[in-house]
Amino acid sequence: MNTKVINIIGWVLFLISSIGFIMSSFGNFWAMFGSIFFLFGCLVFLIPYFKKKD
């Protein structure tokens, strides 16, 4: 496996954990707030992997 694949696998695992945090924080506003921002942060870090190379 090359470094790019390992990085993508790591970020996918972070996405899965953020979804788990979101599901476990139903009913608690601040926990849900933090979990959603964690999810968006993971998605932002994944953008460079899916952009086309020039």
C-alpha atoms as a PDB file:
ATOM      1  CA  MET A   1       0.000   0.000   0.000  1.00  0.00           C
ATOM      2  CA  ASN A   2       1.239   3.444  -0.774  1.00  0.00           C
ATOM      3  CA  THR A   3       1.044   6.456   1.528  1.00  0.00           C
ATOM      4  CA  LYS A   4      -2.010   7.939  -0.206  1.00  0.00           C
ATOM      5  CA  VAL A   5      -4.087   4.798   0.377  1.00  0.00           C
ATOM      6  CA  ILE A   6      -3.041   4.622   4.029  1.00  0.00           C
ATOM      7  CA  ASN A   7      -3.971   8.290   4.527  1.00  0.00           C
ATOM      8  CA  ILE A   8      -7.385   7.792   2.927  1.00  0.00           C
ATOM      9  CA  ILE A   9      -8.042   4.734   5.103  1.00  0.00           C
ATOM     10  CA  GLY A  10      -7.128   6.777   8.176  1.00  0.00           C
ATOM     11  CA  TRP A  11      -9.491   9.592   7.214  1.00  0.00           C
ATOM     12  CA  VAL A  12     -12.305   7.118   6.489  1.00  0.00           C
ATOM     13  CA  LEU A  13     -11.819   5.698   9.984  1.00  0.00           C
ATOM     14  CA  PHE A  14     -12.030   9.240  11.391  1.00  0.00           C
ATOM     15  CA  LEU A  15     -15.273   9.746   9.441  1.00  0.00           C
ATOM     16  CA  ILE A  16     -16.718   6.530  10.859  1.00  0.00           C
ATOM     17  CA  SER A  17     -15.773   7.570  14.396  1.00  0.00           C
ATOM     18  CA  SER A  18     -17.332  11.015  13.902  1.00  0.00           C
ATOM     19  CA  ILE A  19     -20.572   9.401  12.752  1.00  0.00           C
ATOM     20  CA  GLY A  20     -20.468   7.240  15.889  1.00  0.00           C
ATOM     21  CA  PHE A  21     -19.954  10.330  18.042  1.00  0.00           C
ATOM     22  CA  ILE A  22     -22.887  12.038  16.328  1.00  0.00           C
ATOM     23  CA  MET A  23     -25.157   9.037  16.953  1.00  0.00           C
ATOM     24  CA  SER A  24     -24.101   8.809  20.601  1.00  0.00           C
ATOM     25  CA  SER A  25     -24.625  12.524  21.229  1.00  0.00           C
ATOM     26  CA  PHE A  26     -28.315  12.765  20.283  1.00  0.00           C
ATOM     27  CA  GLY A  27     -30.026  14.914  22.883  1.00  0.00           C
ATOM     28  CA  ASN A  28     -26.883  16.764  23.963  1.00  0.00           C
ATOM     29  CA  PHE A  29     -26.481  19.994  21.982  1.00  0.00           C
ATOM     30  CA  TRP A  30     -22.800  20.714  22.688  1.00  0.00           C
ATOM     31  CA  ALA A  31     -21.669  17.148  22.073  1.00  0.00           C
ATOM     32  CA  MET A  32     -23.606  17.117  18.796  1.00  0.00           C
ATOM     33  CA  PHE A  33     -22.146  20.526  17.867  1.00  0.00           C
ATOM     34  CA  GLY A  34     -18.589  19.268  18.399  1.00  0.00           C
ATOM     35  CA  SER A  35     -19.231  15.989  16.610  1.00  0.00           C
ATOM     36  CA  ILE A  36     -20.635  17.700  13.522  1.00  0.00           C
ATOM     37  CA  PHE A  37     -17.674  20.078  13.342  1.00  0.00           C
ATOM     38  CA  PHE A  38     -15.321  17.109  13.692  1.00  0.00           C
ATOM     39  CA  LEU A  39     -17.099  15.460  10.743  1.00  0.00           C
ATOM     40  CA  PHE A  40     -16.797  18.620   8.617  1.00  0.00           C
ATOM     41  CA  GLY A  41     -13.124  18.929   9.555  1.00  0.00           C
ATOM     42  CA  CYS A  42     -12.459  15.388   8.367  1.00  0.00           C
ATOM     43  CA  LEU A  43     -14.268  16.087   5.102  1.00  0.00           C
ATOM     44  CA  VAL A  44     -12.219  19.254   4.528  1.00  0.00           C
ATOM     45  CA  PHE A  45      -8.981  17.317   4.986  1.00  0.00           C
ATOM     46  CA  LEU A  46     -10.182  14.754   2.407  1.00  0.00           C
ATOM     47  CA  ILE A  47     -10.760  17.358  -0.338  1.00  0.00           C
ATOM     48  CA  PRO A  48      -7.145  17.326  -1.644  1.00  0.00           C
ATOM     49  CA  TYR A  49      -7.299  13.557  -2.184  1.00  0.00           C
ATOM     50  CA  PHE A  50     -10.238  13.873  -4.585  1.00  0.00           C
ATOM     51  CA  LYS A  51      -9.191  16.971  -6.524  1.00  0.00           C
ATOM     52  CA  LYS A  52      -7.898  16.399 -10.028  1.00  0.00           C
ATOM     53  CA  LYS A  53      -4.189  16.844 -10.554  1.00  0.00           C
ATOM     54  CA  ASP A  54      -3.158  19.552 -12.988  1.00  0.00           C
END
